[in-house]
Amino acid sequence: MIKSDFAVIVPAFNEAPVIPELISELREAFSHHHLEGEVILVDDGSTDNTAEIAEQVAEGWSALKIIRHQKNLGKTESMVTGANSTSKKYLVISFPKRDPAVPRETGRRMGHRYWTKARSLQ
């Protein structure tokens, strides 16, 4: 089933300030849409406790898996690490830093449309 056979890959380098909100929004989306996939946060050698903050914020949420690079390898390598760490069929790439060219609500709206459409196909 599509609602469980996916992984959200989050490459993260020094994202401590935005990690709490990101994890909160992902948890809310998973709960609201009854999703059972996984979230793979790849900490790419952060020096600001990104992974530790993610662990604290996500305490008790089994969908989150954190992988750590010992040093910064770059966004592409982080995506590859995340993809290689899951057996899920579908991969979704999410970036914690906000791109000023993308409206803040885009992700939530896209997710709502996607899962609404996916539900209608079942």
PDB file of N, CA and C in Angstrom:
ATOM      1  N   MET A   1       0.839  -1.186   0.000  1.00  0.00           N
ATOM      2  CA  MET A   1       0.000   0.000   0.000  1.00  0.00           C
ATOM      3  C   MET A   1       0.884   1.249   0.000  1.00  0.00           C
ATOM      4  N   ILE A   2       0.483   2.230  -0.761  1.00  0.00           N
ATOM      5  CA  ILE A   2       1.280   3.445  -0.937  1.00  0.00           C
ATOM      6  C   ILE A   2       1.451   4.230   0.364  1.00  0.00           C
ATOM      7  N   LYS A   3       0.539   4.147   1.301  1.00  0.00           N
ATOM      8  CA  LYS A   3       0.632   4.919   2.531  1.00  0.00           C
ATOM      9  C   LYS A   3       1.664   4.361   3.500  1.00  0.00           C
ATOM     10  N   SER A   4       2.234   3.206   3.181  1.00  0.00           N
ATOM     11  CA  SER A   4       3.252   2.657   4.065  1.00  0.00           C
ATOM     12  C   SER A   4       4.550   2.326   3.341  1.00  0.00           C
ATOM     13  N   ASP A   5       4.537   2.238   2.026  1.00  0.00           N
ATOM     14  CA  ASP A   5       5.722   1.820   1.280  1.00  0.00           C
ATOM     15  C   ASP A   5       6.508   3.021   0.751  1.00  0.00           C
ATOM     16  N   PHE A   6       6.772   3.987   1.632  1.00  0.00           N
ATOM     17  CA  PHE A   6       7.520   5.171   1.226  1.00  0.00           C
ATOM     18  C   PHE A   6       8.417   5.636   2.365  1.00  0.00           C
ATOM     19  N   ALA A   7       9.457   6.355   1.978  1.00  0.00           N
ATOM     20  CA  ALA A   7      10.351   6.970   2.952  1.00  0.00           C
ATOM     21  C   ALA A   7      10.570   8.425   2.565  1.00  0.00           C
ATOM     22  N   VAL A   8      10.511   9.294   3.552  1.00  0.00           N
ATOM     23  CA  VAL A   8      10.834  10.700   3.363  1.00  0.00           C
ATOM     24  C   VAL A   8      12.296  10.855   3.782  1.00  0.00           C
ATOM     25  N   ILE A   9      13.127  11.272   2.848  1.00  0.00           N
ATOM     26  CA  ILE A   9      14.550  11.446   3.134  1.00  0.00           C
ATOM     27  C   ILE A   9      14.827  12.931   3.352  1.00  0.00           C
ATOM     28  N   VAL A  10      15.435  13.228   4.498  1.00  0.00           N
ATOM     29  CA  VAL A  10      15.717  14.614   4.861  1.00  0.00           C
ATOM     30  C   VAL A  10      17.231  14.780   5.040  1.00  0.00           C
ATOM     31  N   PRO A  11      17.924  15.295   4.016  1.00  0.00           N
ATOM     32  CA  PRO A  11      19.340  15.601   4.206  1.00  0.00           C
ATOM     33  C   PRO A  11      19.449  16.863   5.064  1.00  0.00           C
ATOM     34  N   ALA A  12      20.304  16.821   6.088  1.00  0.00           N
ATOM     35  CA  ALA A  12      20.366  17.956   7.011  1.00  0.00           C
ATOM     36  C   ALA A  12      21.799  18.264   7.407  1.00  0.00           C
ATOM     37  N   PHE A  13      22.187  19.513   7.241  1.00  0.00           N
ATOM     38  CA  PHE A  13      23.494  19.982   7.690  1.00  0.00           C
ATOM     39  C   PHE A  13      23.295  21.277   8.474  1.00  0.00           C
ATOM     40  N   ASN A  14      23.591  21.217   9.757  1.00  0.00           N
ATOM     41  CA  ASN A  14      23.436  22.370  10.659  1.00  0.00           C
ATOM     42  C   ASN A  14      22.040  22.990  10.555  1.00  0.00           C
ATOM     43  N   GLU A  15      21.048  22.153  10.778  1.00  0.00           N
ATOM     44  CA  GLU A  15      19.645  22.571  10.680  1.00  0.00           C
ATOM     45  C   GLU A  15      18.958  22.656  12.041  1.00  0.00           C
ATOM     46  N   ALA A  16      19.721  22.725  13.113  1.00  0.00           N
ATOM     47  CA  ALA A  16      19.137  22.729  14.458  1.00  0.00           C
ATOM     48  C   ALA A  16      17.978  23.714  14.636  1.00  0.00           C
ATOM     49  N   PRO A  17      18.068  24.939  14.114  1.00  0.00           N
ATOM     50  CA  PRO A  17      16.972  25.886  14.343  1.00  0.00           C
ATOM     51  C   PRO A  17      15.639  25.475  13.719  1.00  0.00           C
ATOM     52  N   VAL A  18      15.664  24.699  12.638  1.00  0.00           N
ATOM     53  CA  VAL A  18      14.408  24.367  11.958  1.00  0.00           C
ATOM     54  C   VAL A  18      13.938  22.933  12.192  1.00  0.00           C
ATOM     55  N   ILE A  19      14.784  22.106  12.799  1.00  0.00           N
ATOM     56  CA  ILE A  19      14.435  20.700  12.999  1.00  0.00           C
ATOM     57  C   ILE A  19      13.176  20.504  13.851  1.00  0.00           C
ATOM     58  N   PRO A  20      12.997  21.219  14.962  1.00  0.00           N
ATOM     59  CA  PRO A  20      11.776  20.993  15.751  1.00  0.00           C
ATOM     60  C   PRO A  20      10.492  21.214  14.949  1.00  0.00           C
ATOM     61  N   GLU A  21      10.436  22.298  14.190  1.00  0.00           N
ATOM     62  CA  GLU A  21       9.237  22.567  13.394  1.00  0.00           C
ATOM     63  C   GLU A  21       9.066  21.528  12.288  1.00  0.00           C
ATOM     64  N   LEU A  22      10.151  21.153  11.639  1.00  0.00           N
ATOM     65  CA  LEU A  22      10.080  20.158  10.566  1.00  0.00           C
ATOM     66  C   LEU A  22       9.528  18.836  11.085  1.00  0.00           C
ATOM     67  N   ILE A  23      10.071  18.347  12.179  1.00  0.00           N
ATOM     68  CA  ILE A  23       9.622  17.068  12.726  1.00  0.00           C
ATOM     69  C   ILE A  23       8.181  17.168  13.205  1.00  0.00           C
ATOM     70  N   SER A  24       7.839  18.268  13.809  1.00  0.00           N
ATOM     71  CA  SER A  24       6.457  18.473  14.252  1.00  0.00           C
ATOM     72  C   SER A  24       5.487  18.417  13.070  1.00  0.00           C
ATOM     73  N   GLU A  25       5.840  19.092  11.974  1.00  0.00           N
ATOM     74  CA  GLU A  25       4.964  19.093  10.797  1.00  0.00           C
ATOM     75  C   GLU A  25       4.890  17.714  10.142  1.00  0.00           C
ATOM     76  N   LEU A  26       6.009  17.003  10.097  1.00  0.00           N
ATOM     77  CA  LEU A  26       5.987  15.646   9.542  1.00  0.00           C
ATOM     78  C   LEU A  26       5.124  14.719  10.393  1.00  0.00           C
ATOM     79  N   ARG A  27       5.285  14.796  11.705  1.00  0.00           N
ATOM     80  CA  ARG A  27       4.461  13.959  12.600  1.00  0.00           C
ATOM     81  C   ARG A  27       2.975  14.256  12.413  1.00  0.00           C
ATOM     82  N   GLU A  28       2.669  15.541  12.309  1.00  0.00           N
ATOM     83  CA  GLU A  28       1.275  15.946  12.117  1.00  0.00           C
ATOM     84  C   GLU A  28       0.726  15.405  10.795  1.00  0.00           C
ATOM     85  N   ALA A  29       1.510  15.513   9.738  1.00  0.00           N
ATOM     86  CA  ALA A  29       1.074  15.007   8.426  1.00  0.00           C
ATOM     87  C   ALA A  29       0.889  13.491   8.463  1.00  0.00           C
ATOM     88  N   PHE A  30       1.815  12.770   9.083  1.00  0.00           N
ATOM     89  CA  PHE A  30       1.701  11.314   9.174  1.00  0.00           C
ATOM     90  C   PHE A  30       0.434  10.939   9.935  1.00  0.00           C
ATOM     91  N   SER A  31       0.182  11.623  11.027  1.00  0.00           N
ATOM     92  CA  SER A  31      -1.003  11.340  11.838  1.00  0.00           C
ATOM     93  C   SER A  31      -2.286  11.693  11.090  1.00  0.00           C
ATOM     94  N   HIS A  32      -2.324  12.888  10.533  1.00  0.00           N
ATOM     95  CA  HIS A  32      -3.524  13.366   9.850  1.00  0.00           C
ATOM     96  C   HIS A  32      -3.915  12.479   8.665  1.00  0.00           C
ATOM     97  N   HIS A  33      -2.910  12.010   7.923  1.00  0.00           N
ATOM     98  CA  HIS A  33      -3.183  11.212   6.720  1.00  0.00           C
ATOM     99  C   HIS A  33      -3.034   9.712   6.971  1.00  0.00           C
ATOM    100  N   HIS A  34      -2.858   9.327   8.234  1.00  0.00           N
ATOM    101  CA  HIS A  34      -2.726   7.914   8.613  1.00  0.00           C
ATOM    102  C   HIS A  34      -1.617   7.219   7.832  1.00  0.00           C
ATOM    103  N   LEU A  35      -0.463   7.859   7.786  1.00  0.00           N
ATOM    104  CA  LEU A  35       0.681   7.333   7.034  1.00  0.00           C
ATOM    105  C   LEU A  35       1.516   6.418   7.921  1.00  0.00           C
ATOM    106  N   GLU A  36       2.090   5.407   7.307  1.00  0.00           N
ATOM    107  CA  GLU A  36       2.905   4.446   8.045  1.00  0.00           C
ATOM    108  C   GLU A  36       4.286   4.289   7.433  1.00  0.00           C
ATOM    109  N   GLY A  37       4.722   5.246   6.637  1.00  0.00           N
ATOM    110  CA  GLY A  37       6.047   5.187   6.041  1.00  0.00           C
ATOM    111  C   GLY A  37       7.109   5.524   7.075  1.00  0.00           C
ATOM    112  N   GLU A  38       8.278   5.893   6.593  1.00  0.00           N
ATOM    113  CA  GLU A  38       9.345   6.260   7.511  1.00  0.00           C
ATOM    114  C   GLU A  38       9.978   7.574   7.089  1.00  0.00           C
ATOM    115  N   VAL A  39      10.612   8.225   8.048  1.00  0.00           N
ATOM    116  CA  VAL A  39      11.339   9.463   7.807  1.00  0.00           C
ATOM    117  C   VAL A  39      12.800   9.170   8.136  1.00  0.00           C
ATOM    118  N   ILE A  40      13.670   9.426   7.163  1.00  0.00           N
ATOM    119  CA  ILE A  40      15.092   9.181   7.362  1.00  0.00           C
ATOM    120  C   ILE A  40      15.804  10.528   7.328  1.00  0.00           C
ATOM    121  N   LEU A  41      16.266  10.957   8.491  1.00  0.00           N
ATOM    122  CA  LEU A  41      17.016  12.197   8.592  1.00  0.00           C
ATOM    123  C   LEU A  41      18.499  11.840   8.506  1.00  0.00           C
ATOM    124  N   VAL A  42      19.170  12.368   7.497  1.00  0.00           N
ATOM    125  CA  VAL A  42      20.602  12.120   7.344  1.00  0.00           C
ATOM    126  C   VAL A  42      21.345  13.370   7.803  1.00  0.00           C
ATOM    127  N   ASP A  43      21.943  13.279   8.982  1.00  0.00           N
ATOM    128  CA  ASP A  43      22.726  14.387   9.527  1.00  0.00           C
ATOM    129  C   ASP A  43      24.095  14.336   8.853  1.00  0.00           C
ATOM    130  N   ASP A  44      24.362  15.323   8.029  1.00  0.00           N
ATOM    131  CA  ASP A  44      25.552  15.332   7.181  1.00  0.00           C
ATOM    132  C   ASP A  44      26.739  16.031   7.854  1.00  0.00           C
ATOM    133  N   GLY A  45      27.142  15.494   9.006  1.00  0.00           N
ATOM    134  CA  GLY A  45      28.296  16.050   9.697  1.00  0.00           C
ATOM    135  C   GLY A  45      28.035  17.362  10.405  1.00  0.00           C
ATOM    136  N   SER A  46      26.817  17.581  10.841  1.00  0.00           N
ATOM    137  CA  SER A  46      26.457  18.838  11.514  1.00  0.00           C
ATOM    138  C   SER A  46      27.299  19.070  12.766  1.00  0.00           C
ATOM    139  N   THR A  47      27.520  20.338  13.066  1.00  0.00           N
ATOM    140  CA  THR A  47      28.247  20.726  14.268  1.00  0.00           C
ATOM    141  C   THR A  47      27.347  21.455  15.264  1.00  0.00           C
ATOM    142  N   ASP A  48      26.040  21.475  15.003  1.00  0.00           N
ATOM    143  CA  ASP A  48      25.112  22.234  15.854  1.00  0.00           C
ATOM    144  C   ASP A  48      24.094  21.346  16.573  1.00  0.00           C
ATOM    145  N   ASN A  49      24.393  20.054  16.712  1.00  0.00           N
ATOM    146  CA  ASN A  49      23.511  19.108  17.412  1.00  0.00           C
ATOM    147  C   ASN A  49      22.197  18.842  16.686  1.00  0.00           C
ATOM    148  N   THR A  50      22.203  18.936  15.363  1.00  0.00           N
ATOM    149  CA  THR A  50      20.995  18.661  14.578  1.00  0.00           C
ATOM    150  C   THR A  50      20.398  17.299  14.943  1.00  0.00           C
ATOM    151  N   ALA A  51      21.209  16.252  14.935  1.00  0.00           N
ATOM    152  CA  ALA A  51      20.704  14.895  15.196  1.00  0.00           C
ATOM    153  C   ALA A  51      20.162  14.762  16.620  1.00  0.00           C
ATOM    154  N   GLU A  52      20.874  15.322  17.573  1.00  0.00           N
ATOM    155  CA  GLU A  52      20.448  15.224  18.975  1.00  0.00           C
ATOM    156  C   GLU A  52      19.113  15.936  19.193  1.00  0.00           C
ATOM    157  N   ILE A  53      18.965  17.092  18.586  1.00  0.00           N
ATOM    158  CA  ILE A  53      17.700  17.829  18.700  1.00  0.00           C
ATOM    159  C   ILE A  53      16.576  17.030  18.050  1.00  0.00           C
ATOM    160  N   ALA A  54      16.853  16.449  16.891  1.00  0.00           N
ATOM    161  CA  ALA A  54      15.841  15.629  16.208  1.00  0.00           C
ATOM    162  C   ALA A  54      15.416  14.457  17.097  1.00  0.00           C
ATOM    163  N   GLU A  55      16.373  13.806  17.738  1.00  0.00           N
ATOM    164  CA  GLU A  55      16.048  12.683  18.636  1.00  0.00           C
ATOM    165  C   GLU A  55      15.148  13.136  19.776  1.00  0.00           C
ATOM    166  N   GLN A  56      15.461  14.287  20.364  1.00  0.00           N
ATOM    167  CA  GLN A  56      14.659  14.792  21.480  1.00  0.00           C
ATOM    168  C   GLN A  56      13.240  15.135  21.039  1.00  0.00           C
ATOM    169  N   VAL A  57      13.130  15.847  19.923  1.00  0.00           N
ATOM    170  CA  VAL A  57      11.818  16.286  19.446  1.00  0.00           C
ATOM    171  C   VAL A  57      10.959  15.096  19.016  1.00  0.00           C
ATOM    172  N   ALA A  58      11.602  14.077  18.452  1.00  0.00           N
ATOM    173  CA  ALA A  58      10.860  12.936  17.913  1.00  0.00           C
ATOM    174  C   ALA A  58      10.728  11.788  18.905  1.00  0.00           C
ATOM    175  N   GLU A  59      11.074  12.023  20.148  1.00  0.00           N
ATOM    176  CA  GLU A  59      11.016  10.946  21.138  1.00  0.00           C
ATOM    177  C   GLU A  59       9.667  10.229  21.105  1.00  0.00           C
ATOM    178  N   GLY A  60       9.727   8.919  20.987  1.00  0.00           N
ATOM    179  CA  GLY A  60       8.516   8.109  20.946  1.00  0.00           C
ATOM    180  C   GLY A  60       7.909   7.947  19.561  1.00  0.00           C
ATOM    181  N   TRP A  61       8.480   8.581  18.561  1.00  0.00           N
ATOM    182  CA  TRP A  61       7.950   8.475  17.187  1.00  0.00           C
ATOM    183  C   TRP A  61       8.803   7.478  16.425  1.00  0.00           C
ATOM    184  N   SER A  62       8.296   6.281  16.247  1.00  0.00           N
ATOM    185  CA  SER A  62       9.076   5.199  15.644  1.00  0.00           C
ATOM    186  C   SER A  62       9.305   5.370  14.142  1.00  0.00           C
ATOM    187  N   ALA A  63       8.615   6.286  13.508  1.00  0.00           N
ATOM    188  CA  ALA A  63       8.788   6.477  12.059  1.00  0.00           C
ATOM    189  C   ALA A  63      10.110   7.152  11.720  1.00  0.00           C
ATOM    190  N   LEU A  64      10.726   7.832  12.686  1.00  0.00           N
ATOM    191  CA  LEU A  64      11.959   8.573  12.419  1.00  0.00           C
ATOM    192  C   LEU A  64      13.186   7.689  12.628  1.00  0.00           C
ATOM    193  N   LYS A  65      14.055   7.714  11.625  1.00  0.00           N
ATOM    194  CA  LYS A  65      15.347   7.018  11.674  1.00  0.00           C
ATOM    195  C   LYS A  65      16.411   8.081  11.399  1.00  0.00           C
ATOM    196  N   ILE A  66      17.434   8.138  12.245  1.00  0.00           N
ATOM    197  CA  ILE A  66      18.496   9.131  12.071  1.00  0.00           C
ATOM    198  C   ILE A  66      19.796   8.428  11.701  1.00  0.00           C
ATOM    199  N   ILE A  67      20.407   8.915  10.644  1.00  0.00           N
ATOM    200  CA  ILE A  67      21.698   8.401  10.193  1.00  0.00           C
ATOM    201  C   ILE A  67      22.675   9.565  10.253  1.00  0.00           C
ATOM    202  N   ARG A  68      23.886   9.298  10.716  1.00  0.00           N
ATOM    203  CA  ARG A  68      24.879  10.365  10.862  1.00  0.00           C
ATOM    204  C   ARG A  68      26.090  10.120   9.971  1.00  0.00           C
ATOM    205  N   HIS A  69      26.475  11.141   9.227  1.00  0.00           N
ATOM    206  CA  HIS A  69      27.771  11.150   8.552  1.00  0.00           C
ATOM    207  C   HIS A  69      28.765  11.757   9.538  1.00  0.00           C
ATOM    208  N   GLN A  70      29.938  11.194   9.631  1.00  0.00           N
ATOM    209  CA  GLN A  70      30.967  11.732  10.537  1.00  0.00           C
ATOM    210  C   GLN A  70      31.481  13.096  10.077  1.00  0.00           C
ATOM    211  N   LYS A  71      31.469  13.310   8.753  1.00  0.00           N
ATOM    212  CA  LYS A  71      31.880  14.607   8.217  1.00  0.00           C
ATOM    213  C   LYS A  71      30.910  14.996   7.107  1.00  0.00           C
ATOM    214  N   ASN A  72      30.924  16.252   6.744  1.00  0.00           N
ATOM    215  CA  ASN A  72      30.018  16.752   5.712  1.00  0.00           C
ATOM    216  C   ASN A  72      30.408  16.186   4.351  1.00  0.00           C
ATOM    217  N   LEU A  73      29.477  15.452   3.735  1.00  0.00           N
ATOM    218  CA  LEU A  73      29.713  14.837   2.431  1.00  0.00           C
ATOM    219  C   LEU A  73      28.899  15.508   1.327  1.00  0.00           C
ATOM    220  N   GLY A  74      27.974  16.373   1.703  1.00  0.00           N
ATOM    221  CA  GLY A  74      27.166  17.078   0.723  1.00  0.00           C
ATOM    222  C   GLY A  74      25.756  16.508   0.603  1.00  0.00           C
ATOM    223  N   LYS A  75      24.890  17.328   0.017  1.00  0.00           N
ATOM    224  CA  LYS A  75      23.470  16.998  -0.105  1.00  0.00           C
ATOM    225  C   LYS A  75      23.229  15.729  -0.917  1.00  0.00           C
ATOM    226  N   THR A  76      23.937  15.604  -2.050  1.00  0.00           N
ATOM    227  CA  THR A  76      23.727  14.428  -2.899  1.00  0.00           C
ATOM    228  C   THR A  76      24.088  13.149  -2.159  1.00  0.00           C
ATOM    229  N   GLU A  77      25.228  13.151  -1.497  1.00  0.00           N
ATOM    230  CA  GLU A  77      25.649  11.958  -0.759  1.00  0.00           C
ATOM    231  C   GLU A  77      24.672  11.646   0.369  1.00  0.00           C
ATOM    232  N   SER A  78      24.122  12.669   0.986  1.00  0.00           N
ATOM    233  CA  SER A  78      23.120  12.452   2.038  1.00  0.00           C
ATOM    234  C   SER A  78      21.863  11.797   1.473  1.00  0.00           C
ATOM    235  N   MET A  79      21.446  12.241   0.288  1.00  0.00           N
ATOM    236  CA  MET A  79      20.276  11.620  -0.340  1.00  0.00           C
ATOM    237  C   MET A  79      20.562  10.164  -0.682  1.00  0.00           C
ATOM    238  N   VAL A  80      21.754   9.883  -1.180  1.00  0.00           N
ATOM    239  CA  VAL A  80      22.134   8.506  -1.515  1.00  0.00           C
ATOM    240  C   VAL A  80      22.163   7.647  -0.249  1.00  0.00           C
ATOM    241  N   THR A  81      22.750   8.171   0.813  1.00  0.00           N
ATOM    242  CA  THR A  81      22.776   7.444   2.089  1.00  0.00           C
ATOM    243  C   THR A  81      21.366   7.108   2.544  1.00  0.00           C
ATOM    244  N   GLY A  82      20.475   8.092   2.487  1.00  0.00           N
ATOM    245  CA  GLY A  82      19.091   7.860   2.898  1.00  0.00           C
ATOM    246  C   GLY A  82      18.410   6.817   2.035  1.00  0.00           C
ATOM    247  N   ALA A  83      18.587   6.926   0.726  1.00  0.00           N
ATOM    248  CA  ALA A  83      17.961   5.971  -0.198  1.00  0.00           C
ATOM    249  C   ALA A  83      18.480   4.552   0.035  1.00  0.00           C
ATOM    250  N   ASN A  84      19.775   4.444   0.309  1.00  0.00           N
ATOM    251  CA  ASN A  84      20.368   3.126   0.538  1.00  0.00           C
ATOM    252  C   ASN A  84      20.008   2.520   1.882  1.00  0.00           C
ATOM    253  N   SER A  85      19.440   3.311   2.770  1.00  0.00           N
ATOM    254  CA  SER A  85      19.124   2.815   4.115  1.00  0.00           C
ATOM    255  C   SER A  85      17.680   2.352   4.267  1.00  0.00           C
ATOM    256  N   THR A  86      16.959   2.319   3.175  1.00  0.00           N
ATOM    257  CA  THR A  86      15.552   1.910   3.259  1.00  0.00           C
ATOM    258  C   THR A  86      15.226   0.869   2.197  1.00  0.00           C
ATOM    259  N   SER A  87      14.234   0.083   2.486  1.00  0.00           N
ATOM    260  CA  SER A  87      13.745  -0.883   1.502  1.00  0.00           C
ATOM    261  C   SER A  87      12.407  -0.428   0.918  1.00  0.00           C
ATOM    262  N   LYS A  88      11.989   0.774   1.278  1.00  0.00           N
ATOM    263  CA  LYS A  88      10.706   1.293   0.793  1.00  0.00           C
ATOM    264  C   LYS A  88      10.753   1.511  -0.715  1.00  0.00           C
ATOM    265  N   LYS A  89       9.605   1.363  -1.357  1.00  0.00           N
ATOM    266  CA  LYS A  89       9.509   1.466  -2.812  1.00  0.00           C
ATOM    267  C   LYS A  89       9.560   2.911  -3.304  1.00  0.00           C
ATOM    268  N   TYR A  90       8.917   3.814  -2.578  1.00  0.00           N
ATOM    269  CA  TYR A  90       8.830   5.216  -2.991  1.00  0.00           C
ATOM    270  C   TYR A  90       9.675   6.090  -2.076  1.00  0.00           C
ATOM    271  N   LEU A  91      10.397   7.031  -2.677  1.00  0.00           N
ATOM    272  CA  LEU A  91      11.225   7.960  -1.923  1.00  0.00           C
ATOM    273  C   LEU A  91      10.740   9.381  -2.145  1.00  0.00           C
ATOM    274  N   VAL A  92      10.688  10.137  -1.065  1.00  0.00           N
ATOM    275  CA  VAL A  92      10.322  11.547  -1.112  1.00  0.00           C
ATOM    276  C   VAL A  92      11.496  12.292  -0.498  1.00  0.00           C
ATOM    277  N   ILE A  93      12.010  13.297  -1.210  1.00  0.00           N
ATOM    278  CA  ILE A  93      13.126  14.078  -0.689  1.00  0.00           C
ATOM    279  C   ILE A  93      12.575  15.377  -0.113  1.00  0.00           C
ATOM    280  N   SER A  94      12.960  15.683   1.109  1.00  0.00           N
ATOM    281  CA  SER A  94      12.511  16.901   1.776  1.00  0.00           C
ATOM    282  C   SER A  94      13.728  17.662   2.255  1.00  0.00           C
ATOM    283  N   PHE A  95      13.711  18.977   2.084  1.00  0.00           N
ATOM    284  CA  PHE A  95      14.820  19.809   2.522  1.00  0.00           C
ATOM    285  C   PHE A  95      14.347  20.713   3.639  1.00  0.00           C
ATOM    286  N   PRO A  96      15.020  20.679   4.794  1.00  0.00           N
ATOM    287  CA  PRO A  96      14.563  21.487   5.921  1.00  0.00           C
ATOM    288  C   PRO A  96      14.702  22.989   5.727  1.00  0.00           C
ATOM    289  N   LYS A  97      15.730  23.440   5.055  1.00  0.00           N
ATOM    290  CA  LYS A  97      15.884  24.889   4.873  1.00  0.00           C
ATOM    291  C   LYS A  97      14.840  25.390   3.901  1.00  0.00           C
ATOM    292  N   ARG A  98      14.248  26.493   4.242  1.00  0.00           N
ATOM    293  CA  ARG A  98      13.209  27.070   3.403  1.00  0.00           C
ATOM    294  C   ARG A  98      13.807  27.810   2.224  1.00  0.00           C
ATOM    295  N   ASP A  99      13.389  27.440   1.039  1.00  0.00           N
ATOM    296  CA  ASP A  99      13.816  28.121  -0.181  1.00  0.00           C
ATOM    297  C   ASP A  99      12.901  29.324  -0.359  1.00  0.00           C
ATOM    298  N   PRO A 100      13.446  30.537  -0.408  1.00  0.00           N
ATOM    299  CA  PRO A 100      12.589  31.726  -0.530  1.00  0.00           C
ATOM    300  C   PRO A 100      11.746  31.734  -1.796  1.00  0.00           C
ATOM    301  N   ALA A 101      12.124  30.945  -2.785  1.00  0.00           N
ATOM    302  CA  ALA A 101      11.365  30.908  -4.040  1.00  0.00           C
ATOM    303  C   ALA A 101      10.144  30.000  -3.937  1.00  0.00           C
ATOM    304  N   VAL A 102      10.063  29.211  -2.859  1.00  0.00           N
ATOM    305  CA  VAL A 102       8.941  28.268  -2.699  1.00  0.00           C
ATOM    306  C   VAL A 102       8.074  28.744  -1.541  1.00  0.00           C
ATOM    307  N   PRO A 103       6.803  29.027  -1.799  1.00  0.00           N
ATOM    308  CA  PRO A 103       5.918  29.468  -0.716  1.00  0.00           C
ATOM    309  C   PRO A 103       5.861  28.444   0.412  1.00  0.00           C
ATOM    310  N   ARG A 104       5.777  28.911   1.649  1.00  0.00           N
ATOM    311  CA  ARG A 104       5.808  28.058   2.833  1.00  0.00           C
ATOM    312  C   ARG A 104       4.755  26.951   2.805  1.00  0.00           C
ATOM    313  N   GLU A 105       3.582  27.219   2.297  1.00  0.00           N
ATOM    314  CA  GLU A 105       2.492  26.247   2.315  1.00  0.00           C
ATOM    315  C   GLU A 105       2.568  25.221   1.194  1.00  0.00           C
ATOM    316  N   THR A 106       3.503  25.339   0.285  1.00  0.00           N
ATOM    317  CA  THR A 106       3.563  24.451  -0.871  1.00  0.00           C
ATOM    318  C   THR A 106       3.626  22.988  -0.472  1.00  0.00           C
ATOM    319  N   GLY A 107       4.510  22.651   0.464  1.00  0.00           N
ATOM    320  CA  GLY A 107       4.671  21.256   0.864  1.00  0.00           C
ATOM    321  C   GLY A 107       3.401  20.649   1.413  1.00  0.00           C
ATOM    322  N   ARG A 108       2.747  21.374   2.311  1.00  0.00           N
ATOM    323  CA  ARG A 108       1.508  20.850   2.894  1.00  0.00           C
ATOM    324  C   ARG A 108       0.416  20.702   1.853  1.00  0.00           C
ATOM    325  N   ARG A 109       0.299  21.674   0.971  1.00  0.00           N
ATOM    326  CA  ARG A 109      -0.732  21.594  -0.065  1.00  0.00           C
ATOM    327  C   ARG A 109      -0.453  20.443  -1.016  1.00  0.00           C
ATOM    328  N   MET A 110       0.808  20.283  -1.404  1.00  0.00           N
ATOM    329  CA  MET A 110       1.155  19.186  -2.306  1.00  0.00           C
ATOM    330  C   MET A 110       0.842  17.852  -1.632  1.00  0.00           C
ATOM    331  N   GLY A 111       1.224  17.725  -0.356  1.00  0.00           N
ATOM    332  CA  GLY A 111       0.960  16.490   0.369  1.00  0.00           C
ATOM    333  C   GLY A 111      -0.521  16.196   0.437  1.00  0.00           C
ATOM    334  N   HIS A 112      -1.333  17.222   0.718  1.00  0.00           N
ATOM    335  CA  HIS A 112      -2.776  17.019   0.805  1.00  0.00           C
ATOM    336  C   HIS A 112      -3.329  16.561  -0.539  1.00  0.00           C
ATOM    337  N   ARG A 113      -2.929  17.234  -1.621  1.00  0.00           N
ATOM    338  CA  ARG A 113      -3.415  16.851  -2.945  1.00  0.00           C
ATOM    339  C   ARG A 113      -2.974  15.442  -3.296  1.00  0.00           C
ATOM    340  N   TYR A 114      -1.714  15.118  -2.993  1.00  0.00           N
ATOM    341  CA  TYR A 114      -1.190  13.806  -3.340  1.00  0.00           C
ATOM    342  C   TYR A 114      -1.972  12.710  -2.622  1.00  0.00           C
ATOM    343  N   TRP A 115      -2.140  12.842  -1.295  1.00  0.00           N
ATOM    344  CA  TRP A 115      -2.817  11.777  -0.559  1.00  0.00           C
ATOM    345  C   TRP A 115      -4.301  11.733  -0.866  1.00  0.00           C
ATOM    346  N   THR A 116      -4.902  12.877  -1.168  1.00  0.00           N
ATOM    347  CA  THR A 116      -6.296  12.873  -1.583  1.00  0.00           C
ATOM    348  C   THR A 116      -6.453  12.110  -2.880  1.00  0.00           C
ATOM    349  N   LYS A 117      -5.562  12.385  -3.830  1.00  0.00           N
ATOM    350  CA  LYS A 117      -5.604  11.669  -5.117  1.00  0.00           C
ATOM    351  C   LYS A 117      -5.312  10.190  -4.911  1.00  0.00           C
ATOM    352  N   ALA A 118      -4.308   9.870  -4.101  1.00  0.00           N
ATOM    353  CA  ALA A 118      -3.951   8.466  -3.861  1.00  0.00           C
ATOM    354  C   ALA A 118      -5.126   7.714  -3.252  1.00  0.00           C
ATOM    355  N   ARG A 119      -5.843   8.369  -2.324  1.00  0.00           N
ATOM    356  CA  ARG A 119      -7.020   7.719  -1.711  1.00  0.00           C
ATOM    357  C   ARG A 119      -8.073   7.425  -2.761  1.00  0.00           C
ATOM    358  N   SER A 120      -8.268   8.352  -3.719  1.00  0.00           N
ATOM    359  CA  SER A 120      -9.314   8.157  -4.716  1.00  0.00           C
ATOM    360  C   SER A 120      -8.963   7.043  -5.692  1.00  0.00           C
ATOM    361  N   LEU A 121      -7.682   6.691  -5.791  1.00  0.00           N
ATOM    362  CA  LEU A 121      -7.255   5.629  -6.706  1.00  0.00           C
ATOM    363  C   LEU A 121      -7.396   4.246  -6.096  1.00  0.00           C
ATOM    364  N   GLN A 122      -7.565   4.205  -4.787  1.00  0.00           N
ATOM    365  CA  GLN A 122      -7.620   2.885  -4.111  1.00  0.00           C
ATOM    366  C   GLN A 122      -9.005   2.278  -4.169  1.00  0.00           C
TER     367      GLN A 122
END
